[in-house]
Amino acid sequence: MNEAETRAELIDPQLQASGWGVVAGTKVLRDYPITAGRIQTGSRRGKSLTADYVLVYRGRKLAVIEAKSSDLVVGEGVAQAKNYAEKLAFATNGREIYQICMKSGAETLIDVFPTPEELWLKSFAKPNRWEEHFNSVPFEEIGGTKTVRYYQELAANKALEAIANEKQRVLLTLATGTGKTFIAFQIVWKLFQS
């Protein structure tokens, strides 16, 4: 079975059985672009990084899944999954599921994908009322003309997490041209809407 068949016949049903794309507030983003690709000479971009699946719940991207053909061993996609993930990553060949916690470094085989609520509790073990308010407000796409880049979303979420945890100071340092003003707008937007 090739990768596309493995995804359609084995992985998609497993995700649905765990509630992904079924439970309210969940999304399964397929072939999700992680980066636009490295800028090369001549203002061209290199190959973009694309995750096979990104699991979204309550407005937050919680995990990445790297899928491989059922003919390959489950560990074949581990390096790619780690490269794409912020907190949790999974590699699967449809027969086995390998879970990687990016925070603790723990790696293990699991029987089924976690439910949305289980994954939420792994990512946000301590409930925080403000963080829940911030997560419920979607990023503003300025009439659909400008979407948030992955690192901008990460920066805004980290800043909002610090605010929710009552940190007195927040410092974001990014290179020229990375959209610091747009990130600041997103933070203010979520604060205003909350």
N, C-alpha and C. Protein backbone atom coordinates (compact mmCIF):
# COMPACT_ATOMS: atom_id res chain seq x y z
N MET A 1 0.85 -1.18 0.00
CA MET A 1 0.00 0.00 0.00
C MET A 1 0.90 1.25 0.00
N ASN A 2 0.69 2.17 -0.94
CA ASN A 2 1.50 3.39 -0.94
C ASN A 2 1.01 4.36 0.14
N GLU A 3 1.70 5.52 0.27
CA GLU A 3 1.37 6.44 1.35
C GLU A 3 -0.06 6.99 1.23
N ALA A 4 -0.49 7.35 0.03
CA ALA A 4 -1.84 7.89 -0.15
C ALA A 4 -2.89 6.86 0.25
N GLU A 5 -2.71 5.62 -0.14
CA GLU A 5 -3.66 4.56 0.23
C GLU A 5 -3.63 4.31 1.73
N THR A 6 -2.44 4.33 2.32
CA THR A 6 -2.30 4.15 3.77
C THR A 6 -3.05 5.24 4.51
N ARG A 7 -2.92 6.47 4.02
CA ARG A 7 -3.61 7.58 4.68
C ARG A 7 -5.13 7.41 4.57
N ALA A 8 -5.62 7.12 3.38
CA ALA A 8 -7.06 7.02 3.16
C ALA A 8 -7.68 5.81 3.84
N GLU A 9 -7.02 4.67 3.79
CA GLU A 9 -7.62 3.42 4.27
C GLU A 9 -7.30 3.08 5.72
N LEU A 10 -6.18 3.57 6.25
CA LEU A 10 -5.79 3.20 7.61
C LEU A 10 -5.76 4.39 8.58
N ILE A 11 -5.09 5.47 8.20
CA ILE A 11 -4.88 6.57 9.14
C ILE A 11 -6.13 7.42 9.32
N ASP A 12 -6.78 7.83 8.23
CA ASP A 12 -7.99 8.66 8.34
C ASP A 12 -9.06 8.00 9.22
N PRO A 13 -9.37 6.70 9.04
CA PRO A 13 -10.36 6.07 9.93
C PRO A 13 -9.92 6.03 11.39
N GLN A 14 -8.63 5.87 11.64
CA GLN A 14 -8.14 5.86 13.02
C GLN A 14 -8.32 7.23 13.68
N LEU A 15 -8.05 8.28 12.92
CA LEU A 15 -8.24 9.64 13.45
C LEU A 15 -9.71 9.90 13.74
N GLN A 16 -10.58 9.50 12.83
CA GLN A 16 -12.02 9.69 13.05
C GLN A 16 -12.49 8.89 14.26
N ALA A 17 -11.98 7.68 14.44
CA ALA A 17 -12.37 6.86 15.58
C ALA A 17 -11.95 7.51 16.90
N SER A 18 -10.89 8.30 16.87
CA SER A 18 -10.45 9.01 18.07
C SER A 18 -11.15 10.36 18.23
N GLY A 19 -12.02 10.73 17.29
CA GLY A 19 -12.81 11.95 17.41
C GLY A 19 -12.31 13.12 16.58
N TRP A 20 -11.21 12.97 15.85
CA TRP A 20 -10.66 14.07 15.07
C TRP A 20 -11.50 14.32 13.83
N GLY A 21 -11.97 15.56 13.69
CA GLY A 21 -12.85 15.91 12.59
C GLY A 21 -14.29 15.56 12.86
N VAL A 22 -14.56 14.94 14.00
CA VAL A 22 -15.91 14.54 14.40
C VAL A 22 -16.37 15.38 15.57
N VAL A 23 -15.53 15.49 16.61
CA VAL A 23 -15.84 16.26 17.81
C VAL A 23 -15.85 17.75 17.45
N ALA A 24 -16.81 18.48 18.00
CA ALA A 24 -16.90 19.92 17.76
C ALA A 24 -15.60 20.61 18.17
N GLY A 25 -15.14 21.54 17.33
CA GLY A 25 -13.93 22.29 17.63
C GLY A 25 -12.65 21.63 17.14
N THR A 26 -12.78 20.46 16.46
CA THR A 26 -11.58 19.79 15.95
C THR A 26 -11.47 19.99 14.45
N LYS A 27 -10.24 20.00 13.99
CA LYS A 27 -9.95 20.05 12.56
C LYS A 27 -8.76 19.13 12.31
N VAL A 28 -8.76 18.51 11.16
CA VAL A 28 -7.61 17.75 10.69
C VAL A 28 -7.14 18.43 9.41
N LEU A 29 -6.03 19.13 9.51
CA LEU A 29 -5.48 19.82 8.35
C LEU A 29 -4.56 18.86 7.62
N ARG A 30 -4.82 18.61 6.36
CA ARG A 30 -4.02 17.68 5.57
C ARG A 30 -3.07 18.44 4.66
N ASP A 31 -1.88 17.88 4.49
CA ASP A 31 -0.86 18.50 3.63
C ASP A 31 -0.68 19.97 3.99
N TYR A 32 -0.45 20.21 5.26
CA TYR A 32 -0.38 21.57 5.80
C TYR A 32 1.04 22.13 5.65
N PRO A 33 1.18 23.29 4.99
CA PRO A 33 2.52 23.87 4.82
C PRO A 33 3.06 24.43 6.14
N ILE A 34 4.20 23.91 6.55
CA ILE A 34 4.85 24.38 7.78
C ILE A 34 5.68 25.63 7.48
N THR A 35 6.43 25.59 6.38
CA THR A 35 7.20 26.76 5.95
C THR A 35 7.02 26.95 4.45
N ALA A 36 7.28 28.15 3.99
CA ALA A 36 7.19 28.43 2.56
C ALA A 36 8.44 28.00 1.81
N GLY A 37 9.46 27.58 2.52
CA GLY A 37 10.71 27.19 1.88
C GLY A 37 11.78 28.24 2.06
N ARG A 38 12.99 27.79 2.18
CA ARG A 38 14.13 28.68 2.40
C ARG A 38 14.32 29.62 1.21
N ILE A 39 14.58 30.90 1.49
CA ILE A 39 14.84 31.86 0.42
C ILE A 39 16.25 31.60 -0.09
N GLN A 40 16.35 31.45 -1.40
CA GLN A 40 17.63 31.17 -2.03
C GLN A 40 18.05 32.34 -2.90
N THR A 41 19.22 32.24 -3.48
CA THR A 41 19.69 33.33 -4.33
C THR A 41 18.70 33.57 -5.47
N GLY A 42 18.63 34.81 -5.88
CA GLY A 42 17.70 35.17 -6.94
C GLY A 42 16.27 35.28 -6.46
N SER A 43 16.08 35.41 -5.14
CA SER A 43 14.76 35.54 -4.51
C SER A 43 13.83 34.36 -4.80
N ARG A 44 14.42 33.20 -5.06
CA ARG A 44 13.60 32.00 -5.24
C ARG A 44 13.50 31.28 -3.90
N ARG A 45 12.47 30.48 -3.78
CA ARG A 45 12.30 29.68 -2.57
C ARG A 45 12.62 28.23 -2.85
N GLY A 46 13.21 27.61 -1.83
CA GLY A 46 13.47 26.18 -1.90
C GLY A 46 12.20 25.41 -1.63
N LYS A 47 12.32 24.12 -1.50
CA LYS A 47 11.17 23.25 -1.26
C LYS A 47 10.55 23.57 0.10
N SER A 48 9.23 23.71 0.12
CA SER A 48 8.54 23.99 1.38
C SER A 48 8.42 22.72 2.21
N LEU A 49 8.30 22.90 3.51
CA LEU A 49 8.06 21.77 4.42
C LEU A 49 6.56 21.63 4.60
N THR A 50 6.05 20.43 4.40
CA THR A 50 4.62 20.17 4.49
C THR A 50 4.36 18.98 5.39
N ALA A 51 3.53 19.18 6.41
CA ALA A 51 3.15 18.09 7.30
C ALA A 51 1.98 17.34 6.69
N ASP A 52 1.98 16.01 6.84
CA ASP A 52 0.87 15.22 6.31
C ASP A 52 -0.44 15.58 7.01
N TYR A 53 -0.39 15.72 8.34
CA TYR A 53 -1.58 16.09 9.13
C TYR A 53 -1.15 17.05 10.23
N VAL A 54 -2.03 18.00 10.55
CA VAL A 54 -1.90 18.82 11.74
C VAL A 54 -3.25 18.73 12.45
N LEU A 55 -3.21 18.39 13.74
CA LEU A 55 -4.42 18.24 14.53
C LEU A 55 -4.70 19.53 15.29
N VAL A 56 -5.91 20.09 15.09
CA VAL A 56 -6.30 21.36 15.68
C VAL A 56 -7.50 21.13 16.59
N TYR A 57 -7.43 21.71 17.78
CA TYR A 57 -8.56 21.63 18.72
C TYR A 57 -8.61 22.94 19.50
N ARG A 58 -9.82 23.47 19.65
CA ARG A 58 -10.05 24.73 20.36
C ARG A 58 -9.17 25.86 19.83
N GLY A 59 -8.98 25.89 18.52
CA GLY A 59 -8.24 26.96 17.89
C GLY A 59 -6.73 26.86 17.96
N ARG A 60 -6.19 25.77 18.51
CA ARG A 60 -4.73 25.61 18.61
C ARG A 60 -4.26 24.38 17.86
N LYS A 61 -3.16 24.52 17.18
CA LYS A 61 -2.52 23.38 16.51
C LYS A 61 -1.77 22.60 17.59
N LEU A 62 -2.22 21.36 17.84
CA LEU A 62 -1.68 20.60 18.95
C LEU A 62 -0.62 19.57 18.56
N ALA A 63 -0.73 18.99 17.38
CA ALA A 63 0.19 17.91 17.03
C ALA A 63 0.34 17.79 15.52
N VAL A 64 1.43 17.18 15.13
CA VAL A 64 1.74 16.90 13.74
C VAL A 64 1.82 15.40 13.56
N ILE A 65 1.32 14.91 12.43
CA ILE A 65 1.43 13.48 12.12
C ILE A 65 2.17 13.35 10.79
N GLU A 66 3.21 12.57 10.80
CA GLU A 66 3.93 12.25 9.57
C GLU A 66 3.55 10.83 9.18
N ALA A 67 2.96 10.69 8.01
CA ALA A 67 2.48 9.39 7.53
C ALA A 67 3.47 8.80 6.54
N LYS A 68 3.62 7.50 6.61
CA LYS A 68 4.44 6.76 5.66
C LYS A 68 3.65 5.56 5.17
N SER A 69 4.10 4.99 4.10
CA SER A 69 3.46 3.80 3.53
C SER A 69 3.40 2.68 4.56
N SER A 70 2.35 1.88 4.49
CA SER A 70 2.24 0.75 5.42
C SER A 70 3.32 -0.29 5.18
N ASP A 71 4.03 -0.20 4.06
CA ASP A 71 5.12 -1.12 3.77
C ASP A 71 6.40 -0.76 4.51
N LEU A 72 6.47 0.47 5.05
CA LEU A 72 7.66 0.94 5.75
C LEU A 72 7.50 0.77 7.26
N VAL A 73 8.62 0.78 7.98
CA VAL A 73 8.56 0.70 9.44
C VAL A 73 8.08 2.03 10.00
N VAL A 74 7.48 2.00 11.17
CA VAL A 74 6.86 3.19 11.75
C VAL A 74 7.89 4.29 12.02
N GLY A 75 9.12 3.95 12.30
CA GLY A 75 10.14 4.95 12.60
C GLY A 75 10.62 5.75 11.40
N GLU A 76 10.19 5.38 10.22
CA GLU A 76 10.63 6.04 9.00
C GLU A 76 10.30 7.54 8.98
N GLY A 77 9.20 7.95 9.61
CA GLY A 77 8.79 9.35 9.58
C GLY A 77 9.12 10.13 10.84
N VAL A 78 9.85 9.53 11.79
CA VAL A 78 10.10 10.19 13.07
C VAL A 78 10.89 11.48 12.90
N ALA A 79 11.96 11.47 12.13
CA ALA A 79 12.79 12.67 11.96
C ALA A 79 11.98 13.82 11.37
N GLN A 80 11.16 13.53 10.36
CA GLN A 80 10.33 14.58 9.76
C GLN A 80 9.32 15.12 10.77
N ALA A 81 8.68 14.23 11.52
CA ALA A 81 7.68 14.66 12.51
C ALA A 81 8.31 15.57 13.55
N LYS A 82 9.50 15.22 14.03
CA LYS A 82 10.20 16.05 15.01
C LYS A 82 10.54 17.42 14.43
N ASN A 83 10.91 17.45 13.18
CA ASN A 83 11.27 18.70 12.52
C ASN A 83 10.08 19.65 12.42
N TYR A 84 8.87 19.12 12.28
CA TYR A 84 7.68 19.93 12.08
C TYR A 84 6.99 20.36 13.38
N ALA A 85 7.19 19.61 14.45
CA ALA A 85 6.34 19.77 15.64
C ALA A 85 6.87 20.80 16.63
N GLU A 86 5.92 21.40 17.36
CA GLU A 86 6.24 22.29 18.47
C GLU A 86 6.15 21.53 19.79
N LYS A 87 5.07 20.78 19.99
CA LYS A 87 4.86 20.09 21.26
C LYS A 87 4.80 18.59 21.11
N LEU A 88 3.87 18.11 20.28
CA LEU A 88 3.69 16.67 20.11
C LEU A 88 3.76 16.29 18.65
N ALA A 89 4.33 15.13 18.40
CA ALA A 89 4.42 14.63 17.04
C ALA A 89 4.13 13.14 17.03
N PHE A 90 3.60 12.70 15.91
CA PHE A 90 3.34 11.28 15.72
C PHE A 90 3.89 10.87 14.37
N ALA A 91 4.41 9.67 14.30
CA ALA A 91 4.79 9.07 13.03
C ALA A 91 4.00 7.77 12.94
N THR A 92 3.45 7.50 11.78
CA THR A 92 2.65 6.28 11.64
C THR A 92 2.76 5.71 10.24
N ASN A 93 2.63 4.40 10.18
CA ASN A 93 2.54 3.72 8.90
C ASN A 93 1.15 3.10 8.74
N GLY A 94 0.23 3.51 9.62
CA GLY A 94 -1.13 3.00 9.59
C GLY A 94 -1.31 1.74 10.43
N ARG A 95 -0.22 1.04 10.69
CA ARG A 95 -0.28 -0.18 11.52
C ARG A 95 0.21 0.10 12.93
N GLU A 96 1.18 1.01 13.06
CA GLU A 96 1.72 1.38 14.36
C GLU A 96 1.75 2.91 14.45
N ILE A 97 1.66 3.41 15.69
CA ILE A 97 1.70 4.85 15.92
C ILE A 97 2.83 5.12 16.91
N TYR A 98 3.74 5.99 16.53
CA TYR A 98 4.88 6.36 17.36
C TYR A 98 4.68 7.78 17.83
N GLN A 99 4.64 7.99 19.16
CA GLN A 99 4.39 9.31 19.74
C GLN A 99 5.68 9.92 20.26
N ILE A 100 5.90 11.21 19.98
CA ILE A 100 7.08 11.93 20.43
C ILE A 100 6.62 13.18 21.17
N CYS A 101 7.03 13.32 22.43
CA CYS A 101 6.75 14.54 23.20
C CYS A 101 7.98 15.44 23.05
N MET A 102 7.81 16.57 22.40
CA MET A 102 8.93 17.46 22.13
C MET A 102 9.41 18.17 23.40
N LYS A 103 8.57 18.26 24.42
CA LYS A 103 8.95 18.94 25.66
C LYS A 103 9.82 18.04 26.53
N SER A 104 9.37 16.81 26.76
CA SER A 104 10.11 15.90 27.65
C SER A 104 11.11 15.03 26.91
N GLY A 105 10.92 14.87 25.60
CA GLY A 105 11.79 13.99 24.84
C GLY A 105 11.35 12.54 24.86
N ALA A 106 10.24 12.26 25.54
CA ALA A 106 9.76 10.88 25.64
C ALA A 106 9.22 10.41 24.29
N GLU A 107 9.56 9.19 23.94
CA GLU A 107 9.10 8.59 22.69
C GLU A 107 8.60 7.18 22.99
N THR A 108 7.45 6.82 22.41
CA THR A 108 6.88 5.51 22.68
C THR A 108 5.88 5.11 21.60
N LEU A 109 5.65 3.83 21.48
CA LEU A 109 4.57 3.33 20.62
C LEU A 109 3.27 3.41 21.40
N ILE A 110 2.19 3.82 20.72
CA ILE A 110 0.86 3.85 21.35
C ILE A 110 -0.10 3.06 20.47
N ASP A 111 -1.22 2.63 21.06
CA ASP A 111 -2.17 1.80 20.33
C ASP A 111 -3.12 2.59 19.44
N VAL A 112 -3.57 3.76 19.94
CA VAL A 112 -4.52 4.58 19.19
C VAL A 112 -4.12 6.05 19.34
N PHE A 113 -4.59 6.88 18.41
CA PHE A 113 -4.35 8.31 18.53
C PHE A 113 -5.13 8.84 19.73
N PRO A 114 -4.57 9.80 20.47
CA PRO A 114 -5.31 10.39 21.59
C PRO A 114 -6.55 11.12 21.08
N THR A 115 -7.57 11.17 21.92
CA THR A 115 -8.77 11.95 21.59
C THR A 115 -8.40 13.44 21.65
N PRO A 116 -9.23 14.30 21.09
CA PRO A 116 -8.94 15.74 21.18
C PRO A 116 -8.76 16.22 22.63
N GLU A 117 -9.61 15.76 23.53
CA GLU A 117 -9.50 16.20 24.93
C GLU A 117 -8.22 15.68 25.57
N GLU A 118 -7.86 14.43 25.30
CA GLU A 118 -6.61 13.87 25.85
C GLU A 118 -5.40 14.66 25.34
N LEU A 119 -5.41 14.99 24.07
CA LEU A 119 -4.30 15.74 23.50
C LEU A 119 -4.25 17.16 24.07
N TRP A 120 -5.43 17.75 24.29
CA TRP A 120 -5.49 19.08 24.89
C TRP A 120 -4.87 19.06 26.29
N LEU A 121 -5.21 18.05 27.07
CA LEU A 121 -4.69 17.96 28.43
C LEU A 121 -3.19 17.68 28.46
N LYS A 122 -2.67 17.01 27.44
CA LYS A 122 -1.22 16.81 27.35
C LYS A 122 -0.52 18.13 27.04
N SER A 123 -1.16 18.97 26.26
CA SER A 123 -0.56 20.24 25.87
C SER A 123 -0.79 21.33 26.91
N PHE A 124 -1.95 21.34 27.51
CA PHE A 124 -2.32 22.37 28.48
C PHE A 124 -2.82 21.70 29.76
N ALA A 125 -1.89 21.14 30.51
CA ALA A 125 -2.24 20.40 31.72
C ALA A 125 -2.89 21.29 32.78
N LYS A 126 -2.40 22.53 32.90
CA LYS A 126 -2.97 23.47 33.87
C LYS A 126 -3.99 24.34 33.17
N PRO A 127 -5.27 24.23 33.52
CA PRO A 127 -6.27 25.11 32.90
C PRO A 127 -5.99 26.57 33.23
N ASN A 128 -6.16 27.43 32.24
CA ASN A 128 -5.96 28.85 32.41
C ASN A 128 -7.10 29.57 31.68
N ARG A 129 -7.92 30.26 32.44
CA ARG A 129 -9.11 30.89 31.89
C ARG A 129 -8.77 31.86 30.76
N TRP A 130 -7.71 32.67 30.93
CA TRP A 130 -7.36 33.64 29.91
C TRP A 130 -6.84 32.97 28.65
N GLU A 131 -6.03 31.94 28.83
CA GLU A 131 -5.51 31.24 27.66
C GLU A 131 -6.64 30.61 26.86
N GLU A 132 -7.66 30.11 27.54
CA GLU A 132 -8.83 29.56 26.86
C GLU A 132 -9.57 30.64 26.07
N HIS A 133 -9.67 31.84 26.65
CA HIS A 133 -10.30 32.97 25.93
C HIS A 133 -9.48 33.31 24.68
N PHE A 134 -8.16 33.41 24.84
CA PHE A 134 -7.30 33.76 23.70
C PHE A 134 -7.40 32.72 22.59
N ASN A 135 -7.41 31.44 22.97
CA ASN A 135 -7.48 30.36 21.97
C ASN A 135 -8.79 30.37 21.21
N SER A 136 -9.85 30.84 21.86
CA SER A 136 -11.16 30.82 21.21
C SER A 136 -11.29 31.90 20.13
N VAL A 137 -10.40 32.87 20.14
CA VAL A 137 -10.43 33.95 19.14
C VAL A 137 -9.52 33.55 17.97
N PRO A 138 -10.07 33.41 16.78
CA PRO A 138 -9.21 33.04 15.64
C PRO A 138 -8.29 34.20 15.25
N PHE A 139 -7.16 33.86 14.65
CA PHE A 139 -6.27 34.89 14.14
C PHE A 139 -6.99 35.64 13.03
N GLU A 140 -6.82 36.95 13.02
CA GLU A 140 -7.44 37.81 12.01
C GLU A 140 -6.64 37.70 10.72
N GLU A 141 -7.34 37.42 9.64
CA GLU A 141 -6.67 37.27 8.33
C GLU A 141 -6.86 38.48 7.44
N ILE A 142 -7.29 39.60 8.01
CA ILE A 142 -7.45 40.87 7.31
C ILE A 142 -8.22 40.67 6.01
N GLY A 143 -9.44 40.23 6.17
CA GLY A 143 -10.33 40.02 5.02
C GLY A 143 -9.88 38.89 4.11
N GLY A 144 -9.12 37.96 4.64
CA GLY A 144 -8.65 36.82 3.85
C GLY A 144 -7.47 37.14 2.96
N THR A 145 -6.90 38.34 3.09
CA THR A 145 -5.80 38.73 2.21
C THR A 145 -4.43 38.42 2.79
N LYS A 146 -4.35 38.24 4.10
CA LYS A 146 -3.05 38.01 4.73
C LYS A 146 -3.22 36.96 5.83
N THR A 147 -2.58 35.84 5.65
CA THR A 147 -2.67 34.78 6.65
C THR A 147 -1.45 34.81 7.57
N VAL A 148 -1.61 34.24 8.74
CA VAL A 148 -0.55 34.21 9.73
C VAL A 148 0.45 33.12 9.36
N ARG A 149 1.71 33.46 9.32
CA ARG A 149 2.75 32.45 9.07
C ARG A 149 2.96 31.65 10.35
N TYR A 150 3.53 30.43 10.18
CA TYR A 150 3.65 29.53 11.33
C TYR A 150 4.44 30.16 12.47
N TYR A 151 5.53 30.87 12.19
CA TYR A 151 6.36 31.44 13.25
C TYR A 151 5.68 32.66 13.88
N GLN A 152 4.83 33.36 13.11
CA GLN A 152 4.08 34.48 13.66
C GLN A 152 3.03 33.96 14.64
N GLU A 153 2.37 32.87 14.25
CA GLU A 153 1.38 32.24 15.13
C GLU A 153 2.05 31.76 16.42
N LEU A 154 3.20 31.15 16.28
CA LEU A 154 3.95 30.66 17.45
C LEU A 154 4.33 31.81 18.36
N ALA A 155 4.85 32.90 17.78
CA ALA A 155 5.26 34.06 18.58
C ALA A 155 4.06 34.69 19.30
N ALA A 156 2.95 34.87 18.60
CA ALA A 156 1.75 35.45 19.22
C ALA A 156 1.24 34.55 20.33
N ASN A 157 1.20 33.23 20.09
CA ASN A 157 0.72 32.30 21.12
C ASN A 157 1.62 32.31 22.35
N LYS A 158 2.93 32.38 22.16
CA LYS A 158 3.87 32.43 23.30
C LYS A 158 3.68 33.71 24.10
N ALA A 159 3.49 34.84 23.40
CA ALA A 159 3.28 36.11 24.09
C ALA A 159 1.96 36.08 24.87
N LEU A 160 0.92 35.56 24.25
CA LEU A 160 -0.38 35.47 24.93
C LEU A 160 -0.33 34.50 26.11
N GLU A 161 0.43 33.44 25.97
CA GLU A 161 0.62 32.49 27.08
C GLU A 161 1.29 33.20 28.26
N ALA A 162 2.30 34.02 27.99
CA ALA A 162 2.97 34.77 29.05
C ALA A 162 2.00 35.75 29.71
N ILE A 163 1.17 36.41 28.91
CA ILE A 163 0.18 37.34 29.46
C ILE A 163 -0.83 36.58 30.32
N ALA A 164 -1.29 35.44 29.84
CA ALA A 164 -2.26 34.63 30.60
C ALA A 164 -1.67 34.15 31.91
N ASN A 165 -0.36 33.96 31.94
CA ASN A 165 0.32 33.51 33.17
C ASN A 165 0.83 34.69 34.00
N GLU A 166 0.30 35.88 33.69
CA GLU A 166 0.56 37.11 34.44
C GLU A 166 2.02 37.51 34.49
N LYS A 167 2.75 37.24 33.42
CA LYS A 167 4.13 37.72 33.32
C LYS A 167 4.08 39.23 33.13
N GLN A 168 4.98 39.94 33.77
CA GLN A 168 4.97 41.40 33.71
C GLN A 168 5.61 41.95 32.44
N ARG A 169 6.49 41.15 31.81
CA ARG A 169 7.17 41.60 30.60
C ARG A 169 7.19 40.49 29.57
N VAL A 170 7.08 40.91 28.31
CA VAL A 170 7.15 39.98 27.19
C VAL A 170 8.05 40.62 26.14
N LEU A 171 9.04 39.87 25.67
CA LEU A 171 9.94 40.38 24.65
C LEU A 171 9.93 39.43 23.47
N LEU A 172 9.61 39.96 22.30
CA LEU A 172 9.67 39.20 21.06
C LEU A 172 10.81 39.76 20.22
N THR A 173 11.71 38.90 19.81
CA THR A 173 12.83 39.32 18.97
C THR A 173 12.77 38.53 17.68
N LEU A 174 12.58 39.21 16.58
CA LEU A 174 12.53 38.58 15.27
C LEU A 174 13.33 39.42 14.29
N ALA A 175 13.75 38.79 13.22
CA ALA A 175 14.55 39.46 12.20
C ALA A 175 13.72 40.50 11.44
N THR A 176 14.42 41.39 10.77
CA THR A 176 13.78 42.39 9.92
C THR A 176 12.95 41.69 8.84
N GLY A 177 11.72 42.17 8.65
CA GLY A 177 10.88 41.64 7.59
C GLY A 177 10.08 40.40 7.95
N THR A 178 10.10 40.01 9.22
CA THR A 178 9.37 38.80 9.62
C THR A 178 7.94 39.08 10.08
N GLY A 179 7.56 40.35 10.16
CA GLY A 179 6.18 40.69 10.48
C GLY A 179 5.92 40.96 11.94
N LYS A 180 6.84 41.67 12.60
CA LYS A 180 6.64 41.97 14.03
C LYS A 180 5.40 42.83 14.25
N THR A 181 5.14 43.76 13.35
CA THR A 181 3.94 44.60 13.47
C THR A 181 2.69 43.75 13.33
N PHE A 182 2.69 42.81 12.40
CA PHE A 182 1.55 41.92 12.19
C PHE A 182 1.34 41.03 13.42
N ILE A 183 2.43 40.58 14.04
CA ILE A 183 2.34 39.77 15.26
C ILE A 183 1.75 40.61 16.37
N ALA A 184 2.23 41.85 16.52
CA ALA A 184 1.70 42.74 17.56
C ALA A 184 0.21 42.97 17.34
N PHE A 185 -0.19 43.15 16.08
CA PHE A 185 -1.61 43.33 15.76
C PHE A 185 -2.40 42.10 16.21
N GLN A 186 -1.90 40.90 15.92
CA GLN A 186 -2.61 39.66 16.29
C GLN A 186 -2.77 39.55 17.81
N ILE A 187 -1.73 39.92 18.54
CA ILE A 187 -1.79 39.88 20.01
C ILE A 187 -2.85 40.86 20.51
N VAL A 188 -2.81 42.08 20.00
CA VAL A 188 -3.79 43.10 20.42
C VAL A 188 -5.19 42.67 20.01
N TRP A 189 -5.34 42.11 18.81
CA TRP A 189 -6.64 41.64 18.33
C TRP A 189 -7.23 40.61 19.30
N LYS A 190 -6.42 39.63 19.69
CA LYS A 190 -6.92 38.59 20.60
C LYS A 190 -7.22 39.15 21.99
N LEU A 191 -6.39 40.07 22.45
CA LEU A 191 -6.66 40.71 23.75
C LEU A 191 -7.96 41.51 23.68
N PHE A 192 -8.14 42.28 22.63
CA PHE A 192 -9.36 43.09 22.46
C PHE A 192 -10.59 42.21 22.38
N GLN A 193 -10.54 41.12 21.62
CA GLN A 193 -11.68 40.24 21.44
C GLN A 193 -11.99 39.40 22.69
N SER A 194 -11.01 39.27 23.58
CA SER A 194 -11.21 38.47 24.79
C SER A 194 -11.78 39.31 25.91
